[in-house]
């Protein structure tokens, strides 16, 4: 399993500027974590950039990736599947919820998280779809862009729902478990 993301850090290079650093973290089947690489960027993150990163990782020995967890960057799932054909691409739930906040009033964020929680903690794809229909009925009139966001990301959101609830946890070092997010950081 790999986690793909970027972090923006203030860097002093004559002047202080925000610089993105792209990170790929791997988790083995035994729960061991390792940073596979960190790449400094210029802000031109795109599918072509990530395809180069994934090709580099494959050339360095990452032969197969079962699940890749990433944000909703356009073209990223295709870049992953070009490198590792059988990889299941999973939309990061925290990113999906944070992206939902772009369309919501600050006063409604807590209520939206509460209404979305039954969707991403549903025991099955069918149950998630039912809970999402309830969310859309409650919030779709006020925030249709959030409903559209989730519908557009649905194919990359549901893969982990195919697994039993007990399996939907990633092991951290020394046997500790890292459950799916309950209340995403806002």
N, C-alpha and C. Protein backbone atom coordinates (compact mmCIF):
# COMPACT_ATOMS: atom_id res chain seq x y z
N UNK A 1 0.85 -1.16 0.00
CA UNK A 1 0.00 0.00 0.00
C UNK A 1 0.90 1.22 0.00
N UNK A 2 0.49 2.22 -0.79
CA UNK A 2 1.22 3.49 -0.76
C UNK A 2 0.25 4.63 -0.49
N UNK A 3 0.76 5.64 0.15
CA UNK A 3 0.04 6.89 0.38
C UNK A 3 0.79 7.96 -0.39
N UNK A 4 0.07 8.74 -1.18
CA UNK A 4 0.67 9.74 -2.04
C UNK A 4 0.08 11.09 -1.66
N UNK A 5 0.95 12.06 -1.38
CA UNK A 5 0.44 13.38 -1.01
C UNK A 5 1.53 14.42 -1.15
N UNK A 6 1.16 15.66 -0.93
CA UNK A 6 2.10 16.77 -0.94
C UNK A 6 1.93 17.55 0.35
N UNK A 7 3.01 18.16 0.77
CA UNK A 7 2.98 19.05 1.93
C UNK A 7 3.68 20.33 1.50
N UNK A 8 3.13 21.47 1.89
CA UNK A 8 3.71 22.76 1.53
C UNK A 8 4.47 23.29 2.74
N UNK A 9 5.74 23.64 2.49
CA UNK A 9 6.64 24.09 3.55
C UNK A 9 7.22 25.45 3.15
N UNK A 10 7.36 26.34 4.11
CA UNK A 10 8.00 27.63 3.84
C UNK A 10 9.52 27.39 3.77
N UNK A 11 10.12 27.81 2.65
CA UNK A 11 11.55 27.61 2.43
C UNK A 11 12.19 28.97 2.20
N UNK A 12 13.33 29.18 2.85
CA UNK A 12 14.06 30.44 2.67
C UNK A 12 15.18 30.18 1.65
N UNK A 13 15.06 30.84 0.52
CA UNK A 13 16.05 30.74 -0.55
C UNK A 13 16.21 32.14 -1.12
N UNK A 14 16.86 32.99 -0.34
CA UNK A 14 16.91 34.40 -0.69
C UNK A 14 15.67 35.12 -0.17
N UNK A 15 14.54 34.53 -0.39
CA UNK A 15 13.27 35.03 0.15
C UNK A 15 12.47 33.82 0.63
N UNK A 16 11.51 34.07 1.46
CA UNK A 16 10.68 32.98 1.97
C UNK A 16 9.56 32.73 0.98
N UNK A 17 9.42 31.47 0.59
CA UNK A 17 8.34 31.11 -0.33
C UNK A 17 7.81 29.73 0.04
N UNK A 18 6.58 29.49 -0.32
CA UNK A 18 5.97 28.19 -0.10
C UNK A 18 6.46 27.23 -1.18
N UNK A 19 6.97 26.08 -0.74
CA UNK A 19 7.47 25.07 -1.65
C UNK A 19 6.77 23.75 -1.37
N UNK A 20 6.18 23.14 -2.38
CA UNK A 20 5.56 21.83 -2.16
C UNK A 20 6.62 20.73 -2.14
N UNK A 21 6.44 19.80 -1.23
CA UNK A 21 7.26 18.59 -1.19
C UNK A 21 6.31 17.42 -1.35
N UNK A 22 6.60 16.58 -2.33
CA UNK A 22 5.74 15.45 -2.66
C UNK A 22 6.29 14.21 -1.97
N UNK A 23 5.40 13.50 -1.29
CA UNK A 23 5.80 12.38 -0.44
C UNK A 23 5.06 11.13 -0.85
N UNK A 24 5.79 10.01 -0.87
CA UNK A 24 5.17 8.70 -1.06
C UNK A 24 5.60 7.85 0.13
N UNK A 25 4.61 7.38 0.88
CA UNK A 25 4.87 6.50 2.02
C UNK A 25 4.33 5.12 1.67
N UNK A 26 5.11 4.10 1.95
CA UNK A 26 4.68 2.74 1.71
C UNK A 26 4.40 2.02 3.02
N UNK A 27 3.44 1.10 2.98
CA UNK A 27 3.13 0.25 4.13
C UNK A 27 3.15 -1.18 3.61
N UNK A 28 3.96 -2.03 4.24
CA UNK A 28 4.06 -3.41 3.80
C UNK A 28 2.89 -4.23 4.35
N UNK A 29 2.76 -5.46 3.88
CA UNK A 29 1.70 -6.34 4.37
C UNK A 29 1.88 -6.66 5.85
N UNK A 30 3.07 -6.41 6.39
CA UNK A 30 3.34 -6.64 7.81
C UNK A 30 3.14 -5.39 8.65
N UNK A 31 2.68 -4.30 8.00
CA UNK A 31 2.40 -3.06 8.73
C UNK A 31 3.60 -2.16 8.90
N UNK A 32 4.72 -2.49 8.28
CA UNK A 32 5.91 -1.65 8.39
C UNK A 32 5.79 -0.46 7.44
N UNK A 33 6.06 0.72 7.94
CA UNK A 33 5.96 1.94 7.14
C UNK A 33 7.34 2.43 6.75
N UNK A 34 7.41 3.05 5.59
CA UNK A 34 8.67 3.61 5.14
C UNK A 34 8.37 4.74 4.16
N UNK A 35 9.12 5.82 4.27
CA UNK A 35 9.01 6.90 3.30
C UNK A 35 9.81 6.46 2.08
N UNK A 36 9.12 6.29 0.96
CA UNK A 36 9.76 5.82 -0.26
C UNK A 36 10.45 6.95 -1.01
N UNK A 37 10.04 8.16 -0.73
CA UNK A 37 10.70 9.29 -1.38
C UNK A 37 10.03 10.61 -1.06
N UNK A 38 10.82 11.66 -1.13
CA UNK A 38 10.34 13.03 -0.98
C UNK A 38 10.97 13.83 -2.13
N UNK A 39 10.12 14.51 -2.88
CA UNK A 39 10.58 15.28 -4.02
C UNK A 39 10.15 16.73 -3.84
N UNK A 40 11.11 17.67 -3.95
CA UNK A 40 10.78 19.10 -3.90
C UNK A 40 10.20 19.48 -5.25
N UNK A 41 9.16 20.30 -5.20
CA UNK A 41 8.51 20.69 -6.45
C UNK A 41 8.47 22.18 -6.63
N UNK A 42 7.94 22.56 -7.76
CA UNK A 42 7.79 23.98 -8.07
C UNK A 42 6.32 24.39 -8.12
N UNK A 43 5.44 23.49 -7.69
CA UNK A 43 4.02 23.78 -7.69
C UNK A 43 3.31 23.26 -8.92
N UNK A 44 4.06 22.64 -9.82
CA UNK A 44 3.48 22.13 -11.07
C UNK A 44 3.12 20.65 -10.93
N UNK A 45 2.49 20.33 -9.82
CA UNK A 45 2.10 18.94 -9.59
C UNK A 45 1.05 18.54 -10.63
N UNK A 46 1.27 17.41 -11.22
CA UNK A 46 0.32 16.91 -12.20
C UNK A 46 0.54 15.44 -12.43
N UNK A 47 -0.31 14.85 -13.24
CA UNK A 47 -0.23 13.42 -13.50
C UNK A 47 1.11 13.05 -14.14
N UNK A 48 1.63 13.89 -15.01
CA UNK A 48 2.92 13.60 -15.65
C UNK A 48 4.04 13.55 -14.61
N UNK A 49 4.03 14.49 -13.67
CA UNK A 49 5.04 14.49 -12.60
C UNK A 49 4.94 13.19 -11.79
N UNK A 50 3.71 12.83 -11.40
CA UNK A 50 3.54 11.63 -10.58
C UNK A 50 3.90 10.37 -11.35
N UNK A 51 3.66 10.33 -12.64
CA UNK A 51 4.05 9.18 -13.44
C UNK A 51 5.57 9.00 -13.40
N UNK A 52 6.31 10.09 -13.45
CA UNK A 52 7.78 10.02 -13.33
C UNK A 52 8.18 9.48 -11.96
N UNK A 53 7.50 9.95 -10.91
CA UNK A 53 7.79 9.49 -9.55
C UNK A 53 7.52 7.99 -9.43
N UNK A 54 6.36 7.55 -9.92
CA UNK A 54 6.00 6.14 -9.81
C UNK A 54 6.94 5.26 -10.63
N UNK A 55 7.34 5.74 -11.79
CA UNK A 55 8.30 4.99 -12.61
C UNK A 55 9.64 4.87 -11.88
N UNK A 56 10.07 5.94 -11.25
CA UNK A 56 11.30 5.89 -10.45
C UNK A 56 11.18 4.86 -9.33
N UNK A 57 10.04 4.87 -8.62
CA UNK A 57 9.85 3.91 -7.54
C UNK A 57 9.86 2.48 -8.06
N UNK A 58 9.22 2.25 -9.19
CA UNK A 58 9.20 0.91 -9.77
C UNK A 58 10.62 0.49 -10.16
N UNK A 59 11.38 1.40 -10.74
CA UNK A 59 12.77 1.11 -11.11
C UNK A 59 13.65 0.86 -9.89
N UNK A 60 13.28 1.43 -8.75
CA UNK A 60 14.03 1.22 -7.50
C UNK A 60 13.59 -0.04 -6.78
N UNK A 61 12.57 -0.76 -7.30
CA UNK A 61 12.23 -2.05 -6.72
C UNK A 61 10.82 -2.21 -6.18
N UNK A 62 9.98 -1.19 -6.26
CA UNK A 62 8.59 -1.33 -5.82
C UNK A 62 7.86 -2.07 -6.94
N UNK A 63 7.77 -3.38 -6.82
CA UNK A 63 7.25 -4.21 -7.90
C UNK A 63 5.74 -4.19 -8.01
N UNK A 64 5.05 -4.12 -6.90
CA UNK A 64 3.60 -4.21 -6.92
C UNK A 64 3.02 -3.36 -5.81
N UNK A 65 1.90 -2.74 -6.09
CA UNK A 65 1.18 -1.93 -5.10
C UNK A 65 -0.25 -2.43 -5.09
N UNK A 66 -0.73 -2.87 -3.94
CA UNK A 66 -2.09 -3.39 -3.83
C UNK A 66 -3.11 -2.25 -3.83
N UNK A 67 -2.89 -1.26 -2.97
CA UNK A 67 -3.79 -0.10 -2.87
C UNK A 67 -2.94 1.16 -2.84
N UNK A 68 -3.38 2.18 -3.58
CA UNK A 68 -2.74 3.49 -3.55
C UNK A 68 -3.78 4.49 -3.05
N UNK A 69 -3.47 5.16 -1.96
CA UNK A 69 -4.36 6.16 -1.38
C UNK A 69 -3.83 7.53 -1.78
N UNK A 70 -4.72 8.34 -2.38
CA UNK A 70 -4.27 9.64 -2.87
C UNK A 70 -5.41 10.65 -2.83
N UNK A 71 -5.06 11.90 -3.13
CA UNK A 71 -6.08 12.93 -3.19
C UNK A 71 -6.77 12.85 -4.55
N UNK A 72 -7.58 13.80 -4.85
CA UNK A 72 -8.38 13.76 -6.07
C UNK A 72 -7.75 14.42 -7.27
N UNK A 73 -6.42 14.47 -7.34
CA UNK A 73 -5.75 15.12 -8.46
C UNK A 73 -6.12 14.45 -9.78
N UNK A 74 -6.54 15.25 -10.73
CA UNK A 74 -6.95 14.73 -12.03
C UNK A 74 -5.77 14.01 -12.69
N UNK A 75 -6.03 12.81 -13.18
CA UNK A 75 -5.02 12.02 -13.87
C UNK A 75 -4.15 11.16 -12.98
N UNK A 76 -4.23 11.36 -11.66
CA UNK A 76 -3.39 10.58 -10.75
C UNK A 76 -3.74 9.09 -10.77
N UNK A 77 -5.03 8.71 -10.75
CA UNK A 77 -5.33 7.27 -10.83
C UNK A 77 -4.77 6.62 -12.10
N UNK A 78 -4.83 7.33 -13.21
CA UNK A 78 -4.29 6.79 -14.46
C UNK A 78 -2.78 6.63 -14.38
N UNK A 79 -2.08 7.59 -13.75
CA UNK A 79 -0.63 7.50 -13.60
C UNK A 79 -0.26 6.30 -12.73
N UNK A 80 -1.04 6.06 -11.69
CA UNK A 80 -0.78 4.91 -10.81
C UNK A 80 -0.99 3.62 -11.58
N UNK A 81 -2.12 3.52 -12.29
CA UNK A 81 -2.43 2.28 -13.00
C UNK A 81 -1.57 2.07 -14.24
N UNK A 82 -0.96 3.11 -14.76
CA UNK A 82 0.01 2.95 -15.84
C UNK A 82 1.26 2.25 -15.32
N UNK A 83 1.63 2.58 -14.08
CA UNK A 83 2.83 2.00 -13.48
C UNK A 83 2.57 0.62 -12.91
N UNK A 84 1.49 0.49 -12.17
CA UNK A 84 1.11 -0.79 -11.55
C UNK A 84 -0.33 -1.08 -11.97
N UNK A 85 -0.50 -1.93 -12.97
CA UNK A 85 -1.78 -2.14 -13.62
C UNK A 85 -2.90 -2.61 -12.70
N UNK A 86 -2.59 -3.43 -11.72
CA UNK A 86 -3.63 -4.03 -10.88
C UNK A 86 -3.89 -3.27 -9.58
N UNK A 87 -3.29 -2.11 -9.42
CA UNK A 87 -3.44 -1.34 -8.19
C UNK A 87 -4.85 -0.77 -8.07
N UNK A 88 -5.42 -0.91 -6.89
CA UNK A 88 -6.71 -0.30 -6.58
C UNK A 88 -6.43 1.12 -6.08
N UNK A 89 -7.03 2.10 -6.72
CA UNK A 89 -6.83 3.50 -6.32
C UNK A 89 -7.95 3.89 -5.37
N UNK A 90 -7.57 4.36 -4.19
CA UNK A 90 -8.51 4.74 -3.15
C UNK A 90 -8.41 6.24 -2.90
N UNK A 91 -9.52 6.94 -3.05
CA UNK A 91 -9.57 8.37 -2.72
C UNK A 91 -9.40 8.53 -1.22
N UNK A 92 -8.52 9.40 -0.80
CA UNK A 92 -8.32 9.67 0.62
C UNK A 92 -9.58 10.34 1.17
N UNK A 93 -10.14 9.75 2.21
CA UNK A 93 -11.38 10.25 2.79
C UNK A 93 -11.17 11.65 3.39
N UNK A 94 -10.04 11.85 4.04
CA UNK A 94 -9.77 13.15 4.65
C UNK A 94 -9.71 14.23 3.58
N UNK A 95 -9.05 13.95 2.45
CA UNK A 95 -9.00 14.92 1.36
C UNK A 95 -10.39 15.18 0.80
N UNK A 96 -11.18 14.14 0.67
CA UNK A 96 -12.52 14.30 0.12
C UNK A 96 -13.38 15.19 1.02
N UNK A 97 -13.27 14.99 2.31
CA UNK A 97 -14.03 15.82 3.25
C UNK A 97 -13.50 17.26 3.24
N UNK A 98 -12.19 17.42 3.26
CA UNK A 98 -11.62 18.77 3.20
C UNK A 98 -12.04 19.50 1.93
N UNK A 99 -12.04 18.77 0.82
CA UNK A 99 -12.47 19.39 -0.43
C UNK A 99 -13.94 19.79 -0.37
N UNK A 100 -14.74 19.03 0.37
CA UNK A 100 -16.15 19.37 0.55
C UNK A 100 -16.29 20.72 1.25
N UNK A 101 -15.39 21.02 2.16
CA UNK A 101 -15.45 22.26 2.92
C UNK A 101 -15.26 23.49 2.04
N UNK A 102 -14.64 23.33 0.87
CA UNK A 102 -14.47 24.49 -0.02
C UNK A 102 -15.81 25.04 -0.45
N UNK A 103 -16.84 24.18 -0.45
CA UNK A 103 -18.16 24.59 -0.94
C UNK A 103 -19.15 24.86 0.18
N UNK A 104 -18.73 24.69 1.43
CA UNK A 104 -19.65 24.81 2.56
C UNK A 104 -19.35 26.06 3.38
N UNK A 105 -20.40 26.61 3.95
CA UNK A 105 -20.22 27.70 4.89
C UNK A 105 -19.58 27.16 6.16
N UNK A 106 -18.72 27.97 6.75
CA UNK A 106 -18.00 27.54 7.96
C UNK A 106 -18.97 27.08 9.06
N UNK A 107 -20.13 27.73 9.15
CA UNK A 107 -21.09 27.39 10.20
C UNK A 107 -21.70 26.00 10.00
N UNK A 108 -21.58 25.42 8.80
CA UNK A 108 -22.18 24.12 8.52
C UNK A 108 -21.18 22.97 8.50
N UNK A 109 -19.91 23.24 8.67
CA UNK A 109 -18.88 22.20 8.53
C UNK A 109 -19.08 21.05 9.50
N UNK A 110 -19.32 21.32 10.75
CA UNK A 110 -19.50 20.24 11.73
C UNK A 110 -20.69 19.37 11.37
N UNK A 111 -21.77 20.00 10.96
CA UNK A 111 -22.98 19.25 10.59
C UNK A 111 -22.74 18.42 9.32
N UNK A 112 -21.97 18.94 8.40
CA UNK A 112 -21.67 18.20 7.18
C UNK A 112 -20.81 16.98 7.48
N UNK A 113 -19.80 17.14 8.32
CA UNK A 113 -18.96 16.00 8.72
C UNK A 113 -19.82 14.94 9.39
N UNK A 114 -20.70 15.37 10.27
CA UNK A 114 -21.59 14.43 10.97
C UNK A 114 -22.50 13.71 9.98
N UNK A 115 -22.99 14.41 8.97
CA UNK A 115 -23.88 13.80 7.98
C UNK A 115 -23.12 12.89 7.02
N UNK A 116 -21.82 13.17 6.77
CA UNK A 116 -21.03 12.33 5.87
C UNK A 116 -20.45 11.09 6.55
N UNK A 117 -20.29 11.15 7.86
CA UNK A 117 -19.67 10.03 8.57
C UNK A 117 -20.36 8.69 8.29
N UNK A 118 -21.68 8.60 8.29
CA UNK A 118 -22.32 7.31 7.96
C UNK A 118 -22.01 6.83 6.54
N UNK A 119 -21.63 7.75 5.65
CA UNK A 119 -21.29 7.36 4.28
C UNK A 119 -19.95 6.64 4.28
N UNK A 120 -18.91 7.26 4.86
CA UNK A 120 -17.58 6.66 4.76
C UNK A 120 -17.32 5.58 5.83
N UNK A 121 -18.24 5.40 6.76
CA UNK A 121 -18.10 4.30 7.73
C UNK A 121 -19.12 3.19 7.46
N UNK A 122 -19.82 3.28 6.35
CA UNK A 122 -20.85 2.29 6.01
C UNK A 122 -20.23 0.90 5.88
N UNK A 123 -21.01 -0.14 6.22
CA UNK A 123 -20.47 -1.50 6.16
C UNK A 123 -20.38 -2.07 4.74
N UNK A 124 -20.98 -1.40 3.76
CA UNK A 124 -20.95 -1.91 2.39
C UNK A 124 -21.14 -0.76 1.41
N UNK A 125 -20.88 -1.05 0.15
CA UNK A 125 -21.07 -0.05 -0.89
C UNK A 125 -22.55 0.34 -0.98
N UNK A 126 -23.44 -0.64 -0.88
CA UNK A 126 -24.88 -0.36 -0.95
C UNK A 126 -25.31 0.53 0.19
N UNK A 127 -24.85 0.23 1.39
CA UNK A 127 -25.19 1.05 2.55
C UNK A 127 -24.62 2.46 2.40
N UNK A 128 -23.41 2.56 1.86
CA UNK A 128 -22.80 3.88 1.65
C UNK A 128 -23.63 4.69 0.65
N UNK A 129 -24.08 4.03 -0.40
CA UNK A 129 -24.90 4.71 -1.41
C UNK A 129 -26.21 5.21 -0.77
N UNK A 130 -26.83 4.38 0.08
CA UNK A 130 -28.06 4.77 0.77
C UNK A 130 -27.82 5.96 1.69
N UNK A 131 -26.72 5.91 2.46
CA UNK A 131 -26.40 7.02 3.36
C UNK A 131 -26.08 8.28 2.58
N UNK A 132 -25.43 8.11 1.42
CA UNK A 132 -25.12 9.28 0.60
C UNK A 132 -26.40 9.90 0.04
N UNK A 133 -27.36 9.07 -0.32
CA UNK A 133 -28.66 9.60 -0.80
C UNK A 133 -29.32 10.43 0.30
N UNK A 134 -29.21 9.97 1.55
CA UNK A 134 -29.76 10.73 2.68
C UNK A 134 -29.01 12.06 2.83
N UNK A 135 -27.67 12.01 2.69
CA UNK A 135 -26.88 13.23 2.77
C UNK A 135 -27.30 14.20 1.67
N UNK A 136 -27.42 13.69 0.43
CA UNK A 136 -27.79 14.53 -0.70
C UNK A 136 -29.18 15.15 -0.51
N UNK A 137 -30.11 14.38 0.07
CA UNK A 137 -31.46 14.92 0.31
C UNK A 137 -31.41 16.04 1.34
N UNK A 138 -30.55 15.90 2.35
CA UNK A 138 -30.47 16.90 3.41
C UNK A 138 -29.67 18.13 2.99
N UNK A 139 -28.54 17.94 2.30
CA UNK A 139 -27.62 19.04 2.04
C UNK A 139 -27.51 19.43 0.56
N UNK A 140 -28.03 18.61 -0.35
CA UNK A 140 -27.86 18.86 -1.78
C UNK A 140 -28.48 20.15 -2.27
N UNK A 141 -29.60 20.55 -1.67
CA UNK A 141 -30.23 21.81 -2.08
C UNK A 141 -29.37 23.01 -1.75
N UNK A 142 -28.73 22.97 -0.59
CA UNK A 142 -27.90 24.10 -0.15
C UNK A 142 -26.50 24.03 -0.77
N UNK A 143 -25.96 22.81 -0.88
CA UNK A 143 -24.59 22.64 -1.37
C UNK A 143 -24.52 21.57 -2.47
N UNK A 144 -25.07 21.86 -3.64
CA UNK A 144 -25.04 20.87 -4.72
C UNK A 144 -23.61 20.53 -5.18
N UNK A 145 -22.67 21.44 -5.00
CA UNK A 145 -21.29 21.18 -5.42
C UNK A 145 -20.65 20.08 -4.57
N UNK A 146 -21.05 19.97 -3.31
CA UNK A 146 -20.52 18.89 -2.46
C UNK A 146 -21.04 17.55 -2.96
N UNK A 147 -22.32 17.50 -3.29
CA UNK A 147 -22.91 16.27 -3.81
C UNK A 147 -22.21 15.88 -5.11
N UNK A 148 -21.98 16.84 -5.98
CA UNK A 148 -21.30 16.58 -7.25
C UNK A 148 -19.88 16.09 -7.02
N UNK A 149 -19.18 16.70 -6.06
CA UNK A 149 -17.81 16.30 -5.73
C UNK A 149 -17.76 14.82 -5.35
N UNK A 150 -18.66 14.40 -4.45
CA UNK A 150 -18.68 13.01 -4.01
C UNK A 150 -19.10 12.07 -5.14
N UNK A 151 -20.04 12.48 -5.94
CA UNK A 151 -20.45 11.64 -7.07
C UNK A 151 -19.31 11.46 -8.06
N UNK A 152 -18.56 12.51 -8.32
CA UNK A 152 -17.42 12.42 -9.24
C UNK A 152 -16.31 11.54 -8.69
N UNK A 153 -16.15 11.51 -7.36
CA UNK A 153 -15.08 10.73 -6.73
C UNK A 153 -15.54 9.33 -6.31
N UNK A 154 -16.80 9.00 -6.57
CA UNK A 154 -17.37 7.76 -6.03
C UNK A 154 -16.58 6.52 -6.40
N UNK A 155 -16.15 6.39 -7.65
CA UNK A 155 -15.42 5.19 -8.09
C UNK A 155 -14.12 5.01 -7.32
N UNK A 156 -13.45 6.09 -6.95
CA UNK A 156 -12.21 5.99 -6.19
C UNK A 156 -12.46 6.02 -4.68
N UNK A 157 -13.69 6.35 -4.27
CA UNK A 157 -14.03 6.37 -2.85
C UNK A 157 -14.42 4.99 -2.32
N UNK A 158 -15.11 4.19 -3.10
CA UNK A 158 -15.72 2.95 -2.60
C UNK A 158 -14.82 1.71 -2.52
N UNK A 159 -13.62 1.66 -3.10
CA UNK A 159 -12.88 0.39 -3.07
C UNK A 159 -12.69 -0.21 -1.68
N UNK A 160 -12.37 0.59 -0.68
CA UNK A 160 -12.13 0.02 0.65
C UNK A 160 -13.40 -0.53 1.29
N UNK A 161 -14.56 -0.11 0.80
CA UNK A 161 -15.82 -0.62 1.34
C UNK A 161 -16.06 -2.08 0.98
N UNK A 162 -15.30 -2.60 0.04
CA UNK A 162 -15.40 -4.01 -0.33
C UNK A 162 -14.81 -4.92 0.75
N UNK A 163 -14.03 -4.36 1.66
CA UNK A 163 -13.37 -5.14 2.71
C UNK A 163 -14.19 -5.07 3.99
N UNK A 164 -14.04 -6.10 4.82
CA UNK A 164 -14.72 -6.12 6.11
C UNK A 164 -14.28 -4.92 6.94
N UNK A 165 -15.16 -4.47 7.81
CA UNK A 165 -14.87 -3.31 8.65
C UNK A 165 -13.58 -3.53 9.44
N UNK A 166 -13.35 -4.74 9.91
CA UNK A 166 -12.15 -5.05 10.70
C UNK A 166 -10.87 -4.90 9.88
N UNK A 167 -10.96 -5.08 8.58
CA UNK A 167 -9.78 -5.00 7.72
C UNK A 167 -9.48 -3.57 7.32
N UNK A 168 -10.41 -2.67 7.48
CA UNK A 168 -10.25 -1.28 7.03
C UNK A 168 -9.38 -0.46 7.97
N UNK A 169 -8.35 -1.06 8.45
CA UNK A 169 -7.42 -0.38 9.34
C UNK A 169 -6.01 -0.64 8.82
N UNK A 170 -5.17 0.36 8.95
CA UNK A 170 -3.78 0.22 8.55
C UNK A 170 -2.96 0.11 9.81
N UNK A 171 -2.11 -0.91 9.86
CA UNK A 171 -1.27 -1.09 11.05
C UNK A 171 -0.16 -0.05 11.08
N UNK A 172 0.08 0.51 12.25
CA UNK A 172 1.23 1.37 12.45
C UNK A 172 2.27 0.52 13.16
N UNK A 173 3.45 1.04 13.29
CA UNK A 173 4.54 0.31 13.92
C UNK A 173 4.15 -0.25 15.29
N UNK A 174 4.73 -1.38 15.64
CA UNK A 174 4.57 -2.06 16.93
C UNK A 174 3.14 -2.47 17.23
N UNK A 175 2.39 -2.81 16.21
CA UNK A 175 1.06 -3.39 16.43
C UNK A 175 -0.06 -2.40 16.68
N UNK A 176 0.25 -1.11 16.79
CA UNK A 176 -0.83 -0.13 16.98
C UNK A 176 -1.62 -0.01 15.69
N UNK A 177 -2.88 0.29 15.79
CA UNK A 177 -3.71 0.41 14.61
C UNK A 177 -4.02 1.86 14.31
N UNK A 178 -4.16 2.16 13.05
CA UNK A 178 -4.52 3.50 12.61
C UNK A 178 -5.88 3.39 11.93
N UNK A 179 -6.96 3.67 12.66
CA UNK A 179 -8.29 3.52 12.08
C UNK A 179 -8.56 4.61 11.05
N UNK A 180 -9.60 4.40 10.27
CA UNK A 180 -10.04 5.43 9.35
C UNK A 180 -10.42 6.67 10.14
N UNK A 181 -10.35 7.84 9.51
CA UNK A 181 -10.63 9.08 10.24
C UNK A 181 -12.08 9.13 10.71
N UNK A 182 -12.25 9.55 11.94
CA UNK A 182 -13.61 9.75 12.46
C UNK A 182 -14.02 11.19 12.24
N UNK A 183 -13.18 12.07 12.70
CA UNK A 183 -13.44 13.50 12.53
C UNK A 183 -12.21 14.11 11.89
N UNK A 184 -12.26 14.33 10.57
CA UNK A 184 -11.10 14.86 9.86
C UNK A 184 -10.67 16.21 10.41
N UNK A 185 -9.40 16.46 10.31
CA UNK A 185 -8.85 17.74 10.73
C UNK A 185 -9.37 18.80 9.79
N UNK A 186 -9.84 19.90 10.34
CA UNK A 186 -10.38 20.95 9.49
C UNK A 186 -9.44 22.12 9.43
